PDB file of all heavy atoms in Angstrom:
ATOM      1  N   ASP A   1      17.517  -1.642 -10.305  1.00  0.00           N
ATOM      2  CA  ASP A   1      17.221  -2.934  -9.684  1.00  0.00           C
ATOM      3  C   ASP A   1      18.283  -3.265  -8.636  1.00  0.00           C
ATOM      4  O   ASP A   1      19.485  -3.086  -8.882  1.00  0.00           O
ATOM      5  CB  ASP A   1      17.193  -4.040 -10.739  1.00  0.00           C
ATOM      6  CG  ASP A   1      16.048  -3.887 -11.729  1.00  0.00           C
ATOM      7  OD1 ASP A   1      15.155  -3.045 -11.488  1.00  0.00           O
ATOM      8  OD2 ASP A   1      16.051  -4.612 -12.746  1.00  0.00           O
ATOM      9  N   THR A   2      17.850  -3.754  -7.485  1.00  0.00           N
ATOM     10  CA  THR A   2      18.673  -4.181  -6.341  1.00  0.00           C
ATOM     11  C   THR A   2      19.257  -3.015  -5.552  1.00  0.00           C
ATOM     12  O   THR A   2      20.088  -3.229  -4.671  1.00  0.00           O
ATOM     13  CB  THR A   2      19.818  -5.142  -6.736  1.00  0.00           C
ATOM     14  OG1 THR A   2      20.851  -4.425  -7.436  1.00  0.00           O
ATOM     15  CG2 THR A   2      19.313  -6.299  -7.584  1.00  0.00           C
ATOM     16  N   PHE A   3      18.846  -1.788  -5.816  1.00  0.00           N
ATOM     17  CA  PHE A   3      19.426  -0.627  -5.147  1.00  0.00           C
ATOM     18  C   PHE A   3      18.758  -0.317  -3.803  1.00  0.00           C
ATOM     19  O   PHE A   3      18.975   0.765  -3.257  1.00  0.00           O
ATOM     20  CB  PHE A   3      19.375   0.601  -6.059  1.00  0.00           C
ATOM     21  CG  PHE A   3      20.605   0.783  -6.928  1.00  0.00           C
ATOM     22  CD1 PHE A   3      21.384  -0.297  -7.287  1.00  0.00           C
ATOM     23  CD2 PHE A   3      20.975   2.035  -7.394  1.00  0.00           C
ATOM     24  CE1 PHE A   3      22.510  -0.143  -8.080  1.00  0.00           C
ATOM     25  CE2 PHE A   3      22.103   2.216  -8.177  1.00  0.00           C
ATOM     26  CZ  PHE A   3      22.880   1.130  -8.522  1.00  0.00           C
ATOM     27  N   ALA A   4      17.990  -1.261  -3.267  1.00  0.00           N
ATOM     28  CA  ALA A   4      17.399  -1.064  -1.940  1.00  0.00           C
ATOM     29  C   ALA A   4      17.418  -2.367  -1.146  1.00  0.00           C
ATOM     30  O   ALA A   4      16.360  -2.921  -0.817  1.00  0.00           O
ATOM     31  CB  ALA A   4      15.978  -0.514  -2.038  1.00  0.00           C
ATOM     32  N   PRO A   5      18.602  -2.901  -0.819  1.00  0.00           N
ATOM     33  CA  PRO A   5      18.627  -4.042   0.093  1.00  0.00           C
ATOM     34  C   PRO A   5      17.902  -3.677   1.387  1.00  0.00           C
ATOM     35  O   PRO A   5      18.139  -2.618   1.964  1.00  0.00           O
ATOM     36  CB  PRO A   5      20.120  -4.271   0.333  1.00  0.00           C
ATOM     37  CG  PRO A   5      20.804  -3.651  -0.849  1.00  0.00           C
ATOM     38  CD  PRO A   5      19.955  -2.474  -1.225  1.00  0.00           C
ATOM     39  N   MET A   6      17.010  -4.570   1.830  1.00  0.00           N
ATOM     40  CA  MET A   6      16.170  -4.280   2.993  1.00  0.00           C
ATOM     41  C   MET A   6      16.177  -5.482   3.928  1.00  0.00           C
ATOM     42  O   MET A   6      16.116  -6.616   3.486  1.00  0.00           O
ATOM     43  CB  MET A   6      14.735  -3.966   2.542  1.00  0.00           C
ATOM     44  CG  MET A   6      13.817  -3.446   3.633  1.00  0.00           C
ATOM     45  SD  MET A   6      12.139  -3.069   3.007  1.00  0.00           S
ATOM     46  CE  MET A   6      12.498  -1.724   1.873  1.00  0.00           C
ATOM     47  N   GLY A   7      16.243  -5.213   5.228  1.00  0.00           N
ATOM     48  CA  GLY A   7      16.213  -6.274   6.216  1.00  0.00           C
ATOM     49  C   GLY A   7      17.556  -6.385   6.926  1.00  0.00           C
ATOM     50  O   GLY A   7      18.392  -5.479   6.849  1.00  0.00           O
ATOM     51  N   PRO A   8      17.776  -7.490   7.668  1.00  0.00           N
ATOM     52  CA  PRO A   8      17.048  -8.755   7.565  1.00  0.00           C
ATOM     53  C   PRO A   8      15.735  -8.832   8.347  1.00  0.00           C
ATOM     54  O   PRO A   8      14.856  -9.598   7.998  1.00  0.00           O
ATOM     55  CB  PRO A   8      18.049  -9.761   8.148  1.00  0.00           C
ATOM     56  CG  PRO A   8      18.810  -8.959   9.161  1.00  0.00           C
ATOM     57  CD  PRO A   8      18.952  -7.597   8.564  1.00  0.00           C
ATOM     58  N   TRP A   9      15.614  -8.001   9.400  1.00  0.00           N
ATOM     59  CA  TRP A   9      14.479  -8.178  10.294  1.00  0.00           C
ATOM     60  C   TRP A   9      13.538  -6.980  10.247  1.00  0.00           C
ATOM     61  O   TRP A   9      13.917  -5.858   9.893  1.00  0.00           O
ATOM     62  CB  TRP A   9      14.950  -8.351  11.739  1.00  0.00           C
ATOM     63  CG  TRP A   9      16.153  -9.209  11.974  1.00  0.00           C
ATOM     64  CD1 TRP A   9      17.248  -8.890  12.709  1.00  0.00           C
ATOM     65  CD2 TRP A   9      16.384 -10.538  11.493  1.00  0.00           C
ATOM     66  NE1 TRP A   9      18.145  -9.914  12.722  1.00  0.00           N
ATOM     67  CE2 TRP A   9      17.648 -10.945  11.984  1.00  0.00           C
ATOM     68  CE3 TRP A   9      15.645 -11.417  10.703  1.00  0.00           C
ATOM     69  CZ2 TRP A   9      18.195 -12.197  11.700  1.00  0.00           C
ATOM     70  CZ3 TRP A   9      16.194 -12.657  10.418  1.00  0.00           C
ATOM     71  CH2 TRP A   9      17.441 -13.038  10.905  1.00  0.00           C
ATOM     72  N   LEU A  10      12.299  -7.230  10.640  1.00  0.00           N
ATOM     73  CA  LEU A  10      11.338  -6.195  11.007  1.00  0.00           C
ATOM     74  C   LEU A  10      11.199  -6.286  12.520  1.00  0.00           C
ATOM     75  O   LEU A  10      10.693  -7.282  13.038  1.00  0.00           O
ATOM     76  CB  LEU A  10       9.989  -6.426  10.324  1.00  0.00           C
ATOM     77  CG  LEU A  10       8.815  -5.573  10.834  1.00  0.00           C
ATOM     78  CD1 LEU A  10       9.078  -4.091  10.622  1.00  0.00           C
ATOM     79  CD2 LEU A  10       7.514  -6.001  10.147  1.00  0.00           C
ATOM     80  N   VAL A  11      11.691  -5.281  13.227  1.00  0.00           N
ATOM     81  CA  VAL A  11      11.755  -5.311  14.682  1.00  0.00           C
ATOM     82  C   VAL A  11      10.730  -4.331  15.246  1.00  0.00           C
ATOM     83  O   VAL A  11      10.727  -3.147  14.870  1.00  0.00           O
ATOM     84  CB  VAL A  11      13.172  -4.957  15.182  1.00  0.00           C
ATOM     85  CG1 VAL A  11      13.254  -5.085  16.693  1.00  0.00           C
ATOM     86  CG2 VAL A  11      14.209  -5.857  14.517  1.00  0.00           C
ATOM     87  N   THR A  12       9.869  -4.811  16.126  1.00  0.00           N
ATOM     88  CA  THR A  12       8.819  -3.963  16.681  1.00  0.00           C
ATOM     89  C   THR A  12       9.426  -2.928  17.637  1.00  0.00           C
ATOM     90  O   THR A  12      10.509  -3.109  18.190  1.00  0.00           O
ATOM     91  CB  THR A  12       7.756  -4.792  17.405  1.00  0.00           C
ATOM     92  OG1 THR A  12       8.390  -5.616  18.393  1.00  0.00           O
ATOM     93  CG2 THR A  12       7.004  -5.683  16.418  1.00  0.00           C
ATOM     94  N   ALA A  13       8.679  -1.844  17.811  1.00  0.00           N
ATOM     95  CA  ALA A  13       9.194  -0.703  18.563  1.00  0.00           C
ATOM     96  C   ALA A  13       9.598  -1.074  19.985  1.00  0.00           C
ATOM     97  O   ALA A  13      10.600  -0.568  20.505  1.00  0.00           O
ATOM     98  CB  ALA A  13       8.149   0.417  18.582  1.00  0.00           C
ATOM     99  N   ASP A  14       8.843  -1.969  20.623  1.00  0.00           N
ATOM    100  CA  ASP A  14       9.158  -2.329  22.005  1.00  0.00           C
ATOM    101  C   ASP A  14      10.498  -3.035  22.115  1.00  0.00           C
ATOM    102  O   ASP A  14      11.157  -2.981  23.164  1.00  0.00           O
ATOM    103  CB  ASP A  14       8.041  -3.194  22.600  1.00  0.00           C
ATOM    104  CG  ASP A  14       7.801  -4.475  21.819  1.00  0.00           C
ATOM    105  OD1 ASP A  14       7.828  -4.412  20.576  1.00  0.00           O
ATOM    106  OD2 ASP A  14       7.570  -5.528  22.431  1.00  0.00           O
ATOM    107  N   ALA A  15      10.930  -3.683  21.047  1.00  0.00           N
ATOM    108  CA  ALA A  15      12.221  -4.370  21.048  1.00  0.00           C
ATOM    109  C   ALA A  15      13.366  -3.449  20.619  1.00  0.00           C
ATOM    110  O   ALA A  15      14.531  -3.764  20.856  1.00  0.00           O
ATOM    111  CB  ALA A  15      12.177  -5.591  20.137  1.00  0.00           C
ATOM    112  N   VAL A  16      13.032  -2.326  20.003  1.00  0.00           N
ATOM    113  CA  VAL A  16      14.052  -1.392  19.521  1.00  0.00           C
ATOM    114  C   VAL A  16      14.498  -0.436  20.630  1.00  0.00           C
ATOM    115  O   VAL A  16      15.667  -0.089  20.750  1.00  0.00           O
ATOM    116  CB  VAL A  16      13.523  -0.594  18.303  1.00  0.00           C
ATOM    117  CG1 VAL A  16      14.444   0.576  17.965  1.00  0.00           C
ATOM    118  CG2 VAL A  16      13.393  -1.516  17.101  1.00  0.00           C
ATOM    119  N   GLY A  17      13.559   0.005  21.459  1.00  0.00           N
ATOM    120  CA  GLY A  17      13.877   1.011  22.462  1.00  0.00           C
ATOM    121  C   GLY A  17      13.848   2.403  21.858  1.00  0.00           C
ATOM    122  O   GLY A  17      13.001   2.706  21.003  1.00  0.00           O
ATOM    123  N   ASP A  18      14.769   3.251  22.254  1.00  0.00           N
ATOM    124  CA  ASP A  18      14.802   4.638  21.783  1.00  0.00           C
ATOM    125  C   ASP A  18      15.304   4.668  20.347  1.00  0.00           C
ATOM    126  O   ASP A  18      16.492   4.449  20.079  1.00  0.00           O
ATOM    127  CB  ASP A  18      15.704   5.470  22.691  1.00  0.00           C
ATOM    128  CG  ASP A  18      15.712   6.949  22.324  1.00  0.00           C
ATOM    129  OD1 ASP A  18      15.070   7.330  21.329  1.00  0.00           O
ATOM    130  OD2 ASP A  18      16.387   7.718  23.039  1.00  0.00           O
ATOM    131  N   VAL A  19      14.401   4.965  19.430  1.00  0.00           N
ATOM    132  CA  VAL A  19      14.762   4.938  18.012  1.00  0.00           C
ATOM    133  C   VAL A  19      15.718   6.077  17.652  1.00  0.00           C
ATOM    134  O   VAL A  19      16.358   6.037  16.596  1.00  0.00           O
ATOM    135  CB  VAL A  19      13.486   4.960  17.141  1.00  0.00           C
ATOM    136  CG1 VAL A  19      12.832   6.346  17.136  1.00  0.00           C
ATOM    137  CG2 VAL A  19      13.785   4.521  15.722  1.00  0.00           C
ATOM    138  N   GLN A  20      15.840   7.071  18.528  1.00  0.00           N
ATOM    139  CA  GLN A  20      16.777   8.170  18.280  1.00  0.00           C
ATOM    140  C   GLN A  20      18.112   7.956  18.998  1.00  0.00           C
ATOM    141  O   GLN A  20      18.854   8.895  19.235  1.00  0.00           O
ATOM    142  CB  GLN A  20      16.149   9.499  18.698  1.00  0.00           C
ATOM    143  CG  GLN A  20      14.885   9.867  17.940  1.00  0.00           C
ATOM    144  CD  GLN A  20      15.034   9.945  16.426  1.00  0.00           C
ATOM    145  OE1 GLN A  20      14.086   9.753  15.699  1.00  0.00           O
ATOM    146  NE2 GLN A  20      16.237  10.224  15.932  1.00  0.00           N
ATOM    147  N   ALA A  21      18.408   6.686  19.300  1.00  0.00           N
ATOM    148  CA  ALA A  21      19.684   6.367  19.948  1.00  0.00           C
ATOM    149  C   ALA A  21      20.246   5.062  19.401  1.00  0.00           C
ATOM    150  O   ALA A  21      20.753   4.233  20.148  1.00  0.00           O
ATOM    151  CB  ALA A  21      19.507   6.293  21.460  1.00  0.00           C
ATOM    152  N   LEU A  22      20.160   4.887  18.080  1.00  0.00           N
ATOM    153  CA  LEU A  22      20.636   3.670  17.435  1.00  0.00           C
ATOM    154  C   LEU A  22      21.948   3.948  16.701  1.00  0.00           C
ATOM    155  O   LEU A  22      22.115   4.986  16.053  1.00  0.00           O
ATOM    156  CB  LEU A  22      19.595   3.139  16.442  1.00  0.00           C
ATOM    157  CG  LEU A  22      18.207   2.819  17.004  1.00  0.00           C
ATOM    158  CD1 LEU A  22      17.295   2.317  15.886  1.00  0.00           C
ATOM    159  CD2 LEU A  22      18.279   1.803  18.125  1.00  0.00           C
ATOM    160  N   ASP A  23      22.878   3.002  16.779  1.00  0.00           N
ATOM    161  CA  ASP A  23      24.156   3.112  16.083  1.00  0.00           C
ATOM    162  C   ASP A  23      24.043   2.486  14.695  1.00  0.00           C
ATOM    163  O   ASP A  23      23.454   1.406  14.539  1.00  0.00           O
ATOM    164  CB  ASP A  23      25.259   2.403  16.864  1.00  0.00           C
ATOM    165  CG  ASP A  23      25.532   3.059  18.209  1.00  0.00           C
ATOM    166  OD1 ASP A  23      25.405   4.298  18.294  1.00  0.00           O
ATOM    167  OD2 ASP A  23      25.855   2.334  19.172  1.00  0.00           O
ATOM    168  N   LEU A  24      24.610   3.147  13.694  1.00  0.00           N
ATOM    169  CA  LEU A  24      24.617   2.673  12.317  1.00  0.00           C
ATOM    170  C   LEU A  24      26.049   2.543  11.837  1.00  0.00           C
ATOM    171  O   LEU A  24      26.913   3.331  12.218  1.00  0.00           O
ATOM    172  CB  LEU A  24      23.885   3.640  11.383  1.00  0.00           C
ATOM    173  CG  LEU A  24      22.468   4.108  11.710  1.00  0.00           C
ATOM    174  CD1 LEU A  24      22.487   5.336  12.614  1.00  0.00           C
ATOM    175  CD2 LEU A  24      21.703   4.441  10.431  1.00  0.00           C
ATOM    176  N   SER A  25      26.300   1.555  10.964  1.00  0.00           N
ATOM    177  CA  SER A  25      27.634   1.436  10.383  1.00  0.00           C
ATOM    178  C   SER A  25      27.549   0.739   9.035  1.00  0.00           C
ATOM    179  O   SER A  25      26.598  -0.003   8.750  1.00  0.00           O
ATOM    180  CB  SER A  25      28.583   0.663  11.303  1.00  0.00           C
ATOM    181  OG  SER A  25      28.200  -0.694  11.404  1.00  0.00           O
ATOM    182  N   LEU A  26      28.560   0.991   8.209  1.00  0.00           N
ATOM    183  CA  LEU A  26      28.726   0.275   6.941  1.00  0.00           C
ATOM    184  C   LEU A  26      30.200   0.029   6.717  1.00  0.00           C
ATOM    185  O   LEU A  26      31.019   0.955   6.804  1.00  0.00           O
ATOM    186  CB  LEU A  26      28.126   1.068   5.774  1.00  0.00           C
ATOM    187  CG  LEU A  26      28.149   0.345   4.418  1.00  0.00           C
ATOM    188  CD1 LEU A  26      26.914   0.663   3.589  1.00  0.00           C
ATOM    189  CD2 LEU A  26      29.421   0.689   3.612  1.00  0.00           C
ATOM    190  N   ASP A  27      30.537  -1.238   6.476  1.00  0.00           N
ATOM    191  CA  ASP A  27      31.905  -1.634   6.142  1.00  0.00           C
ATOM    192  C   ASP A  27      31.952  -2.029   4.669  1.00  0.00           C
ATOM    193  O   ASP A  27      31.029  -2.684   4.159  1.00  0.00           O
ATOM    194  CB  ASP A  27      32.361  -2.820   6.983  1.00  0.00           C
ATOM    195  CG  ASP A  27      32.476  -2.499   8.469  1.00  0.00           C
ATOM    196  OD1 ASP A  27      32.410  -1.306   8.829  1.00  0.00           O
ATOM    197  OD2 ASP A  27      32.608  -3.445   9.263  1.00  0.00           O
ATOM    198  N   LEU A  28      33.025  -1.657   4.008  1.00  0.00           N
ATOM    199  CA  LEU A  28      33.263  -2.048   2.618  1.00  0.00           C
ATOM    200  C   LEU A  28      34.539  -2.862   2.576  1.00  0.00           C
ATOM    201  O   LEU A  28      35.616  -2.357   2.927  1.00  0.00           O
ATOM    202  CB  LEU A  28      33.379  -0.805   1.730  1.00  0.00           C
ATOM    203  CG  LEU A  28      33.557  -1.076   0.238  1.00  0.00           C
ATOM    204  CD1 LEU A  28      32.286  -1.690  -0.356  1.00  0.00           C
ATOM    205  CD2 LEU A  28      33.922   0.203  -0.509  1.00  0.00           C
ATOM    206  N   ASN A  29      34.416  -4.126   2.203  1.00  0.00           N
ATOM    207  CA  ASN A  29      35.561  -5.034   2.141  1.00  0.00           C
ATOM    208  C   ASN A  29      36.331  -5.050   3.468  1.00  0.00           C
ATOM    209  O   ASN A  29      37.564  -5.103   3.490  1.00  0.00           O
ATOM    210  CB  ASN A  29      36.496  -4.642   0.992  1.00  0.00           C
ATOM    211  CG  ASN A  29      35.788  -4.604  -0.344  1.00  0.00           C
ATOM    212  OD1 ASN A  29      34.807  -5.321  -0.560  1.00  0.00           O
ATOM    213  ND2 ASN A  29      36.253  -3.754  -1.243  1.00  0.00           N
ATOM    214  N   GLY A  30      35.581  -4.986   4.565  1.00  0.00           N
ATOM    215  CA  GLY A  30      36.197  -5.065   5.881  1.00  0.00           C
ATOM    216  C   GLY A  30      36.682  -3.754   6.453  1.00  0.00           C
ATOM    217  O   GLY A  30      37.125  -3.710   7.606  1.00  0.00           O
ATOM    218  N   ALA A  31      36.610  -2.666   5.693  1.00  0.00           N
ATOM    219  CA  ALA A  31      37.055  -1.353   6.163  1.00  0.00           C
ATOM    220  C   ALA A  31      35.844  -0.492   6.496  1.00  0.00           C
ATOM    221  O   ALA A  31      34.898  -0.408   5.700  1.00  0.00           O
ATOM    222  CB  ALA A  31      37.919  -0.666   5.110  1.00  0.00           C
ATOM    223  N   ARG A  32      35.872   0.155   7.651  1.00  0.00           N
ATOM    224  CA  ARG A  32      34.740   0.975   8.068  1.00  0.00           C
ATOM    225  C   ARG A  32      34.627   2.225   7.187  1.00  0.00           C
ATOM    226  O   ARG A  32      35.563   2.987   7.035  1.00  0.00           O
ATOM    227  CB  ARG A  32      34.913   1.361   9.543  1.00  0.00           C
ATOM    228  CG  ARG A  32      33.823   2.262  10.126  1.00  0.00           C
ATOM    229  CD  ARG A  32      32.421   1.656  10.048  1.00  0.00           C
ATOM    230  NE  ARG A  32      32.337   0.310  10.542  1.00  0.00           N
ATOM    231  CZ  ARG A  32      32.084  -0.012  11.818  1.00  0.00           C
ATOM    232  NH1 ARG A  32      31.922   0.947  12.718  1.00  0.00           N
ATOM    233  NH2 ARG A  32      32.000  -1.275  12.192  1.00  0.00           N
ATOM    234  N   MET A  33      33.468   2.429   6.607  1.00  0.00           N
ATOM    235  CA  MET A  33      33.171   3.599   5.792  1.00  0.00           C
ATOM    236  C   MET A  33      32.237   4.570   6.519  1.00  0.00           C
ATOM    237  O   MET A  33      32.452   5.771   6.517  1.00  0.00           O
ATOM    238  CB  MET A  33      32.534   3.169   4.459  1.00  0.00           C
ATOM    239  CG  MET A  33      33.430   2.351   3.570  1.00  0.00           C
ATOM    240  SD  MET A  33      34.764   3.326   2.855  1.00  0.00           S
ATOM    241  CE  MET A  33      36.173   2.307   3.248  1.00  0.00           C
ATOM    242  N   GLN A  34      31.173   4.034   7.108  1.00  0.00           N
ATOM    243  CA  GLN A  34      30.189   4.872   7.772  1.00  0.00           C
ATOM    244  C   GLN A  34      30.041   4.478   9.235  1.00  0.00           C
ATOM    245  O   GLN A  34      29.939   3.289   9.550  1.00  0.00           O
ATOM    246  CB  GLN A  34      28.815   4.761   7.098  1.00  0.00           C
ATOM    247  CG  GLN A  34      28.743   5.404   5.719  1.00  0.00           C
ATOM    248  CD  GLN A  34      27.313   5.417   5.192  1.00  0.00           C
ATOM    249  OE1 GLN A  34      26.868   4.452   4.599  1.00  0.00           O
ATOM    250  NE2 GLN A  34      26.610   6.515   5.415  1.00  0.00           N
ATOM    251  N   THR A  35      30.013   5.472  10.088  1.00  0.00           N
ATOM    252  CA  THR A  35      29.698   5.288  11.498  1.00  0.00           C
ATOM    253  C   THR A  35      28.794   6.448  11.890  1.00  0.00           C
ATOM    254  O   THR A  35      29.112   7.609  11.609  1.00  0.00           O
ATOM    255  CB  THR A  35      30.960   5.303  12.374  1.00  0.00           C
ATOM    256  OG1 THR A  35      31.842   4.260  11.957  1.00  0.00           O
ATOM    257  CG2 THR A  35      30.597   5.099  13.831  1.00  0.00           C
ATOM    258  N   GLY A  36      27.676   6.149  12.513  1.00  0.00           N
ATOM    259  CA  GLY A  36      26.765   7.222  12.877  1.00  0.00           C
ATOM    260  C   GLY A  36      25.798   6.797  13.949  1.00  0.00           C
ATOM    261  O   GLY A  36      25.796   5.657  14.414  1.00  0.00           O
ATOM    262  N   THR A  37      24.968   7.729  14.344  1.00  0.00           N
ATOM    263  CA  THR A  37      23.922   7.488  15.318  1.00  0.00           C
ATOM    264  C   THR A  37      22.685   8.274  14.935  1.00  0.00           C
ATOM    265  O   THR A  37      22.793   9.411  14.437  1.00  0.00           O
ATOM    266  CB  THR A  37      24.371   7.890  16.741  1.00  0.00           C
ATOM    267  OG1 THR A  37      23.236   7.858  17.622  1.00  0.00           O
ATOM    268  CG2 THR A  37      24.964   9.293  16.774  1.00  0.00           C
ATOM    269  N   THR A  38      21.528   7.683  15.166  1.00  0.00           N
ATOM    270  CA  THR A  38      20.275   8.381  14.852  1.00  0.00           C
ATOM    271  C   THR A  38      20.077   9.607  15.739  1.00  0.00           C
ATOM    272  O   THR A  38      19.194  10.419  15.454  1.00  0.00           O
ATOM    273  CB  THR A  38      19.071   7.440  14.984  1.00  0.00           C
ATOM    274  OG1 THR A  38      19.043   6.874  16.310  1.00  0.00           O
ATOM    275  CG2 THR A  38      19.137   6.320  13.961  1.00  0.00           C
ATOM    276  N   ALA A  39      20.888   9.757  16.779  1.00  0.00           N
ATOM    277  CA  ALA A  39      20.831  10.974  17.594  1.00  0.00           C
ATOM    278  C   ALA A  39      21.231  12.205  16.781  1.00  0.00           C
ATOM    279  O   ALA A  39      20.902  13.338  17.167  1.00  0.00           O
ATOM    280  CB  ALA A  39      21.729  10.836  18.819  1.00  0.00           C
ATOM    281  N   ARG A  40      21.949  12.002  15.664  1.00  0.00           N
ATOM    282  CA  ARG A  40      22.396  13.131  14.835  1.00  0.00           C
ATOM    283  C   ARG A  40      21.425  13.450  13.713  1.00  0.00           C
ATOM    284  O   ARG A  40      21.735  14.261  12.834  1.00  0.00           O
ATOM    285  CB  ARG A  40      23.782  12.827  14.245  1.00  0.00           C
ATOM    286  CG  ARG A  40      24.902  12.668  15.253  1.00  0.00           C
ATOM    287  CD  ARG A  40      25.205  13.946  16.033  1.00  0.00           C
ATOM    288  NE  ARG A  40      25.592  15.060  15.193  1.00  0.00           N
ATOM    289  CZ  ARG A  40      26.856  15.337  14.844  1.00  0.00           C
ATOM    290  NH1 ARG A  40      27.835  14.547  15.249  1.00  0.00           N
ATOM    291  NH2 ARG A  40      27.132  16.389  14.108  1.00  0.00           N
ATOM    292  N   MET A  41      20.243  12.815  13.732  1.00  0.00           N
ATOM    293  CA  MET A  41      19.233  13.173  12.731  1.00  0.00           C
ATOM    294  C   MET A  41      18.813  14.631  12.886  1.00  0.00           C
ATOM    295  O   MET A  41      18.609  15.115  14.002  1.00  0.00           O
ATOM    296  CB  MET A  41      17.997  12.281  12.874  1.00  0.00           C
ATOM    297  CG  MET A  41      18.106  10.909  12.267  1.00  0.00           C
ATOM    298  SD  MET A  41      16.497  10.068  12.407  1.00  0.00           S
ATOM    299  CE  MET A  41      16.841   8.575  11.504  1.00  0.00           C
ATOM    300  N   ILE A  42      18.658  15.311  11.770  1.00  0.00           N
ATOM    301  CA  ILE A  42      18.120  16.668  11.784  1.00  0.00           C
ATOM    302  C   ILE A  42      16.628  16.626  12.099  1.00  0.00           C
ATOM    303  O   ILE A  42      16.120  17.402  12.916  1.00  0.00           O
ATOM    304  CB  ILE A  42      18.387  17.361  10.431  1.00  0.00           C
ATOM    305  CG1 ILE A  42      19.893  17.474  10.184  1.00  0.00           C
ATOM    306  CG2 ILE A  42      17.726  18.736  10.377  1.00  0.00           C
ATOM    307  CD1 ILE A  42      20.265  17.884   8.769  1.00  0.00           C
ATOM    308  N   PHE A  43      15.923  15.709  11.456  1.00  0.00           N
ATOM    309  CA  PHE A  43      14.491  15.528  11.681  1.00  0.00           C
ATOM    310  C   PHE A  43      14.271  14.131  12.252  1.00  0.00           C
ATOM    311  O   PHE A  43      14.694  13.134  11.671  1.00  0.00           O
ATOM    312  CB  PHE A  43      13.706  15.701  10.375  1.00  0.00           C
ATOM    313  CG  PHE A  43      13.965  17.033   9.705  1.00  0.00           C
ATOM    314  CD1 PHE A  43      14.778  17.114   8.582  1.00  0.00           C
ATOM    315  CD2 PHE A  43      13.421  18.192  10.210  1.00  0.00           C
ATOM    316  CE1 PHE A  43      15.036  18.320   7.967  1.00  0.00           C
ATOM    317  CE2 PHE A  43      13.672  19.426   9.607  1.00  0.00           C
ATOM    318  CZ  PHE A  43      14.484  19.493   8.487  1.00  0.00           C
ATOM    319  N   SER A  44      13.599  14.047  13.387  1.00  0.00           N
ATOM    320  CA  SER A  44      13.374  12.775  14.065  1.00  0.00           C
ATOM    321  C   SER A  44      12.416  11.896  13.282  1.00  0.00           C
ATOM    322  O   SER A  44      11.706  12.364  12.376  1.00  0.00           O
ATOM    323  CB  SER A  44      12.806  13.030  15.459  1.00  0.00           C
ATOM    324  OG  SER A  44      11.480  13.537  15.363  1.00  0.00           O
TER     325      SER A  44
END
């Protein structure tokens, strides 16, 4: 239970632009843990 936080938004494709050029990040207690880009996906 609660292992899939989702959102906050549902953004349509026209507002997203190139879905294979999005930056992702996750901070834990203010410290950066994850930094990435969808350009590094193995499968689009």
